[in-house]
N, C-alpha and C. Protein backbone atom coordinates (compact mmCIF):
# COMPACT_ATOMS: atom_id res chain seq x y z
N MET A 1 -72.57 46.96 60.54
CA MET A 1 -72.04 46.93 59.16
C MET A 1 -72.56 48.11 58.41
N THR A 2 -71.82 48.62 57.58
CA THR A 2 -72.27 49.66 56.77
C THR A 2 -73.08 49.11 55.55
N ARG A 3 -73.73 50.02 54.92
CA ARG A 3 -74.60 49.61 53.71
C ARG A 3 -73.71 49.14 52.64
N ALA A 4 -72.52 49.64 52.40
CA ALA A 4 -71.61 49.14 51.34
C ALA A 4 -71.15 47.74 51.72
N GLN A 5 -70.84 47.49 53.04
CA GLN A 5 -70.37 46.15 53.44
C GLN A 5 -71.51 45.16 53.21
N LEU A 6 -72.75 45.54 53.62
CA LEU A 6 -73.91 44.64 53.36
C LEU A 6 -74.16 44.34 51.92
N GLU A 7 -73.90 45.31 51.08
CA GLU A 7 -74.14 45.10 49.62
C GLU A 7 -73.03 44.17 49.05
N ARG A 8 -71.78 44.40 49.49
CA ARG A 8 -70.71 43.41 49.10
C ARG A 8 -71.01 42.01 49.60
N GLN A 9 -71.43 41.86 50.75
CA GLN A 9 -71.76 40.56 51.34
C GLN A 9 -72.90 39.93 50.45
N ARG A 10 -73.92 40.70 50.22
CA ARG A 10 -75.09 40.19 49.41
C ARG A 10 -74.60 39.76 48.01
N LYS A 11 -73.75 40.57 47.40
CA LYS A 11 -73.23 40.14 46.04
C LYS A 11 -72.51 38.83 46.16
N LYS A 12 -71.65 38.71 47.19
CA LYS A 12 -70.93 37.39 47.37
C LYS A 12 -71.90 36.21 47.48
N GLN A 13 -72.87 36.45 48.22
CA GLN A 13 -73.94 35.40 48.47
C GLN A 13 -74.69 35.11 47.23
N ASP A 14 -74.98 36.11 46.44
CA ASP A 14 -75.69 35.91 45.15
C ASP A 14 -74.74 35.11 44.19
N ALA A 15 -73.55 35.47 44.10
CA ALA A 15 -72.59 34.76 43.24
C ALA A 15 -72.43 33.32 43.73
N TRP A 16 -72.39 33.08 45.02
CA TRP A 16 -72.28 31.69 45.58
C TRP A 16 -73.50 30.94 45.22
N LEU A 17 -74.65 31.50 45.37
CA LEU A 17 -75.88 30.72 45.05
C LEU A 17 -75.96 30.41 43.58
N ALA A 18 -75.58 31.38 42.74
CA ALA A 18 -75.55 31.09 41.26
C ALA A 18 -74.57 30.02 40.94
N GLU A 19 -73.45 29.96 41.63
CA GLU A 19 -72.39 28.91 41.41
C GLU A 19 -72.98 27.60 41.74
N ILE A 20 -73.73 27.51 42.88
CA ILE A 20 -74.27 26.20 43.37
C ILE A 20 -75.43 25.80 42.38
N GLU A 21 -76.20 26.65 41.85
CA GLU A 21 -77.28 26.33 40.99
C GLU A 21 -76.58 25.81 39.63
N GLN A 22 -75.56 26.41 39.17
CA GLN A 22 -74.91 25.96 37.88
C GLN A 22 -74.30 24.57 38.14
N GLU A 23 -73.74 24.37 39.31
CA GLU A 23 -73.14 23.04 39.62
C GLU A 23 -74.22 21.92 39.67
N GLU A 24 -75.41 22.26 40.20
CA GLU A 24 -76.49 21.36 40.28
C GLU A 24 -77.00 21.08 38.86
N GLN A 25 -77.07 22.01 38.03
CA GLN A 25 -77.46 21.78 36.64
C GLN A 25 -76.51 20.88 35.90
N ARG A 26 -75.22 21.18 36.14
CA ARG A 26 -74.21 20.25 35.50
C ARG A 26 -74.32 18.83 35.99
N TRP A 27 -74.50 18.75 37.29
CA TRP A 27 -74.68 17.35 37.88
C TRP A 27 -75.84 16.64 37.29
N GLN A 28 -76.95 17.32 37.17
CA GLN A 28 -78.18 16.73 36.62
C GLN A 28 -77.94 16.28 35.21
N ALA A 29 -77.33 17.17 34.40
CA ALA A 29 -77.01 16.79 33.06
C ALA A 29 -76.14 15.60 32.95
N GLN A 30 -75.10 15.47 33.81
CA GLN A 30 -74.19 14.39 33.79
C GLN A 30 -74.93 13.09 34.13
N ARG A 31 -75.80 13.21 35.18
CA ARG A 31 -76.56 12.03 35.53
C ARG A 31 -77.46 11.53 34.51
N ALA A 32 -78.13 12.48 33.74
CA ALA A 32 -78.96 12.07 32.68
C ALA A 32 -78.19 11.38 31.54
N GLU A 33 -77.03 11.95 31.20
CA GLU A 33 -76.20 11.35 30.19
C GLU A 33 -75.74 9.90 30.66
N GLN A 34 -75.30 9.78 31.89
CA GLN A 34 -74.91 8.46 32.39
C GLN A 34 -76.06 7.50 32.29
N TRP A 35 -77.21 7.92 32.59
CA TRP A 35 -78.41 7.05 32.66
C TRP A 35 -78.68 6.62 31.22
N GLU A 36 -78.66 7.53 30.28
CA GLU A 36 -78.83 7.22 28.85
C GLU A 36 -77.81 6.19 28.38
N ARG A 37 -76.60 6.36 28.72
CA ARG A 37 -75.51 5.42 28.30
C ARG A 37 -75.71 3.99 28.89
N ASP A 38 -76.07 3.99 30.19
CA ASP A 38 -76.31 2.75 30.82
C ASP A 38 -77.64 2.03 30.52
N HIS A 39 -78.60 2.87 30.18
CA HIS A 39 -80.01 2.21 29.93
C HIS A 39 -80.55 2.89 28.60
N PRO A 40 -79.95 2.51 27.53
CA PRO A 40 -80.38 3.12 26.25
C PRO A 40 -81.81 2.77 25.91
N GLY A 41 -82.56 3.78 25.56
CA GLY A 41 -83.99 3.65 25.17
C GLY A 41 -84.97 3.40 26.29
N LYS A 42 -84.51 3.57 27.57
CA LYS A 42 -85.37 3.43 28.68
C LYS A 42 -86.21 4.67 29.07
N GLY A 43 -85.85 5.75 28.43
CA GLY A 43 -86.53 7.00 28.77
C GLY A 43 -85.82 7.79 29.97
N PRO A 44 -86.54 8.72 30.56
CA PRO A 44 -85.97 9.54 31.60
C PRO A 44 -85.67 8.76 32.84
N ILE A 45 -84.83 9.36 33.65
CA ILE A 45 -84.42 8.68 34.93
C ILE A 45 -85.63 8.46 35.77
N PRO A 46 -85.80 7.35 36.29
CA PRO A 46 -87.01 7.01 37.10
C PRO A 46 -86.96 7.79 38.50
N PRO A 47 -88.02 8.08 39.03
CA PRO A 47 -88.04 8.73 40.34
C PRO A 47 -87.49 7.88 41.44
N ARG A 48 -86.97 8.45 42.46
CA ARG A 48 -86.46 7.71 43.60
C ARG A 48 -87.12 8.11 44.91
N ARG A 49 -87.04 7.23 45.89
CA ARG A 49 -87.59 7.60 47.24
C ARG A 49 -86.60 7.08 48.32
N VAL A 50 -86.71 7.72 49.46
CA VAL A 50 -85.82 7.40 50.54
C VAL A 50 -86.39 6.11 51.18
N ARG A 51 -85.44 5.22 51.47
CA ARG A 51 -85.80 3.87 52.16
C ARG A 51 -86.27 4.22 53.58
N LYS A 52 -87.16 3.35 54.07
CA LYS A 52 -87.82 3.54 55.44
C LYS A 52 -86.66 3.34 56.45
N GLY A 53 -86.66 4.19 57.42
CA GLY A 53 -85.83 4.17 58.52
C GLY A 53 -84.49 5.01 58.31
N GLU A 54 -84.36 5.54 57.14
CA GLU A 54 -83.04 6.32 56.84
C GLU A 54 -83.22 7.72 57.48
N HIS A 55 -82.05 8.23 57.91
CA HIS A 55 -82.01 9.56 58.48
C HIS A 55 -81.18 10.50 57.62
N GLY A 56 -81.68 11.64 57.51
CA GLY A 56 -80.96 12.71 56.63
C GLY A 56 -80.30 13.82 57.40
N PHE A 57 -79.69 14.70 56.75
CA PHE A 57 -79.12 15.90 57.35
C PHE A 57 -80.06 17.10 57.07
N SER A 58 -80.19 17.97 58.05
CA SER A 58 -81.02 19.19 57.90
C SER A 58 -80.09 20.31 57.50
N ILE A 59 -80.52 21.10 56.47
CA ILE A 59 -79.73 22.22 56.02
C ILE A 59 -80.72 23.41 55.80
N TRP A 60 -80.10 24.63 55.81
CA TRP A 60 -80.93 25.79 55.49
C TRP A 60 -80.90 26.04 53.93
N ILE A 61 -81.98 26.21 53.26
CA ILE A 61 -81.99 26.46 51.80
C ILE A 61 -82.59 27.82 51.62
N PRO A 62 -82.11 28.66 50.72
CA PRO A 62 -82.61 29.94 50.45
C PRO A 62 -83.84 29.90 49.66
N LEU A 63 -84.81 30.83 50.05
CA LEU A 63 -86.06 30.99 49.36
C LEU A 63 -86.14 32.38 48.87
N GLY A 64 -87.02 32.66 47.90
CA GLY A 64 -87.23 34.00 47.42
C GLY A 64 -87.88 34.01 46.10
N THR A 65 -88.12 35.22 45.62
CA THR A 65 -88.67 35.41 44.24
C THR A 65 -87.66 35.27 43.21
N ARG A 66 -87.88 34.56 42.19
CA ARG A 66 -86.85 34.39 41.11
C ARG A 66 -87.30 35.15 39.90
N LYS A 67 -86.37 35.96 39.37
CA LYS A 67 -86.60 36.62 38.10
C LYS A 67 -85.73 35.86 37.01
N VAL A 68 -86.43 35.40 36.00
CA VAL A 68 -85.62 34.69 34.96
C VAL A 68 -85.66 35.59 33.75
N GLU A 69 -84.47 36.03 33.31
CA GLU A 69 -84.41 36.81 32.15
C GLU A 69 -83.16 36.34 31.37
N ASN A 70 -83.32 35.97 30.15
CA ASN A 70 -82.20 35.50 29.23
C ASN A 70 -81.29 34.42 30.05
N ASP A 71 -82.06 33.43 30.58
CA ASP A 71 -81.34 32.31 31.28
C ASP A 71 -80.58 32.77 32.49
N LEU A 72 -80.76 33.91 32.97
CA LEU A 72 -80.16 34.37 34.18
C LEU A 72 -81.17 34.39 35.34
N VAL A 73 -80.85 33.71 36.37
CA VAL A 73 -81.69 33.68 37.57
C VAL A 73 -81.27 34.70 38.51
N GLU A 74 -82.14 35.60 38.99
CA GLU A 74 -81.85 36.59 39.94
C GLU A 74 -82.81 36.55 41.10
N MET A 75 -82.32 36.48 42.25
CA MET A 75 -83.15 36.43 43.47
C MET A 75 -83.34 37.90 44.01
N ASN A 76 -84.54 38.21 44.37
CA ASN A 76 -84.73 39.54 44.89
C ASN A 76 -84.27 39.55 46.26
N PRO A 77 -83.26 40.43 46.65
CA PRO A 77 -82.65 40.47 48.02
C PRO A 77 -83.76 40.77 49.15
N GLU A 78 -84.71 41.54 48.82
CA GLU A 78 -85.67 41.87 49.77
C GLU A 78 -86.63 40.70 50.24
N ASP A 79 -86.65 39.76 49.37
CA ASP A 79 -87.45 38.55 49.57
C ASP A 79 -86.67 37.33 50.06
N ARG A 80 -85.45 37.58 50.45
CA ARG A 80 -84.57 36.45 50.83
C ARG A 80 -85.04 35.89 52.13
N ARG A 81 -85.36 34.61 52.15
CA ARG A 81 -85.76 33.91 53.36
C ARG A 81 -85.18 32.54 53.26
N PHE A 82 -85.07 31.80 54.32
CA PHE A 82 -84.48 30.53 54.35
C PHE A 82 -85.48 29.53 55.03
N MET A 83 -85.37 28.29 54.54
CA MET A 83 -86.26 27.15 55.08
C MET A 83 -85.34 25.97 55.42
N LEU A 84 -85.73 25.23 56.41
CA LEU A 84 -85.00 24.03 56.85
C LEU A 84 -85.48 22.87 56.00
N ALA A 85 -84.53 22.15 55.36
CA ALA A 85 -84.86 21.03 54.51
C ALA A 85 -83.94 19.88 54.83
N THR A 86 -84.46 18.67 54.63
CA THR A 86 -83.81 17.48 54.91
C THR A 86 -83.21 16.88 53.63
N ILE A 87 -81.99 16.54 53.66
CA ILE A 87 -81.34 15.94 52.43
C ILE A 87 -80.85 14.55 52.82
N PHE A 88 -80.79 13.70 51.72
CA PHE A 88 -80.39 12.33 51.86
C PHE A 88 -79.33 12.00 50.78
N ASP A 89 -78.43 11.09 51.07
CA ASP A 89 -77.50 10.56 50.06
C ASP A 89 -78.19 9.69 49.13
N VAL A 90 -77.80 9.59 47.90
CA VAL A 90 -78.43 8.60 46.86
C VAL A 90 -78.33 7.16 47.35
N ALA A 91 -77.41 6.88 48.18
CA ALA A 91 -77.28 5.40 48.69
C ALA A 91 -78.39 5.11 49.61
N GLN A 92 -79.05 6.17 50.13
CA GLN A 92 -80.16 5.94 51.04
C GLN A 92 -81.52 5.82 50.43
N THR A 93 -81.47 5.85 49.02
CA THR A 93 -82.75 5.80 48.21
C THR A 93 -82.83 4.55 47.42
N GLU A 94 -84.05 4.37 46.86
CA GLU A 94 -84.36 3.22 46.03
C GLU A 94 -85.30 3.71 44.88
N ASP A 95 -85.31 2.87 43.80
CA ASP A 95 -86.23 3.26 42.78
C ASP A 95 -87.64 3.14 43.24
N SER A 96 -88.55 4.15 42.96
CA SER A 96 -89.86 4.14 43.39
C SER A 96 -90.70 3.31 42.40
N THR A 97 -90.25 2.90 41.28
CA THR A 97 -91.00 2.16 40.33
C THR A 97 -91.06 0.71 40.68
N GLU A 98 -90.31 0.24 41.74
CA GLU A 98 -90.40 -1.10 42.17
C GLU A 98 -91.72 -1.46 42.87
N TYR A 99 -92.42 -0.47 43.36
CA TYR A 99 -93.64 -0.80 44.14
C TYR A 99 -94.86 -0.31 43.46
């Protein structure tokens, strides 16, 4: 691959990661609003934990240095690394305040 092709691919990846982060922020805001509607005056969403015996999916998540300027998150391409993480569906979790 040429340097220009690599740069275009890197820009596409950066745009994709930014889109995922924005979607995650929207989802968290919607979840917090729903919690407040369903449980008025109860405070923030309680923490959750994975039930014993549940199995999750492993995915690669990007790591790197983040520069935050004017609410814009920028990852340094030279520091781009990935880590394996396990994710679970919310149906596999329970409130951790029960114990």
